[in-house]
């Protein structure tokens, strides 16, 4: 009886021990799964927050870019171009370039349209405005309508060139020529990408 009792006690002991080990194993497995689940949840949460932050950064940067472009076009440039718009300057500069190169003293409206990549209707409106200010005069020949720079136009362009030189010299002095060119290259690259992507909206 003593041996049998001892055997039963040993059996009960091992049974409880096995139960304890089993429960311990189940608990550990459960903890591992819980921790793994929490880890995956936290990772997804972090990824979601990272993506949200990235989207916020993109949107904020985009708004800043548009604001800078709008501000420059709307306010700062009017201090640089007082007697004409930038596009007026570009048109007159085509004439000045030809005069400086001694290739011609006139330019046809069709050439302006092609050079500036703007429709003829807009070119005509610009020329009428410039003629009204006395900067140019236009006439016709068998090849079409062309414009010439008046003396007032020449004087105004000389003054405008000096204003631009002073303005951009100050800018370059502050940030350096190399940095100025690097920014310009990046701006051109950005502009090209923005134009391409705007077609995909």
Foldseek 3Di string as FASTA:
>chain_A
DVVVVVVVVVVVVVVVVVVVVVVVVVVVVVVVVVVVVVVVVVVVVVVVVVVVVVVVVVVVVVVVVVVVVCCCQPPVVCVLVVPDHPLLLVLLVVQVVCVVVVPDQKDALVVSCVVVVHDSVVSVVSVVVCVVVVQWDWDADPVGIMIGGDPVVVVVSVVSVVSVCVVVVVVCVVPNPVVVVVVVVVVVVVVVVVVVVVVVD
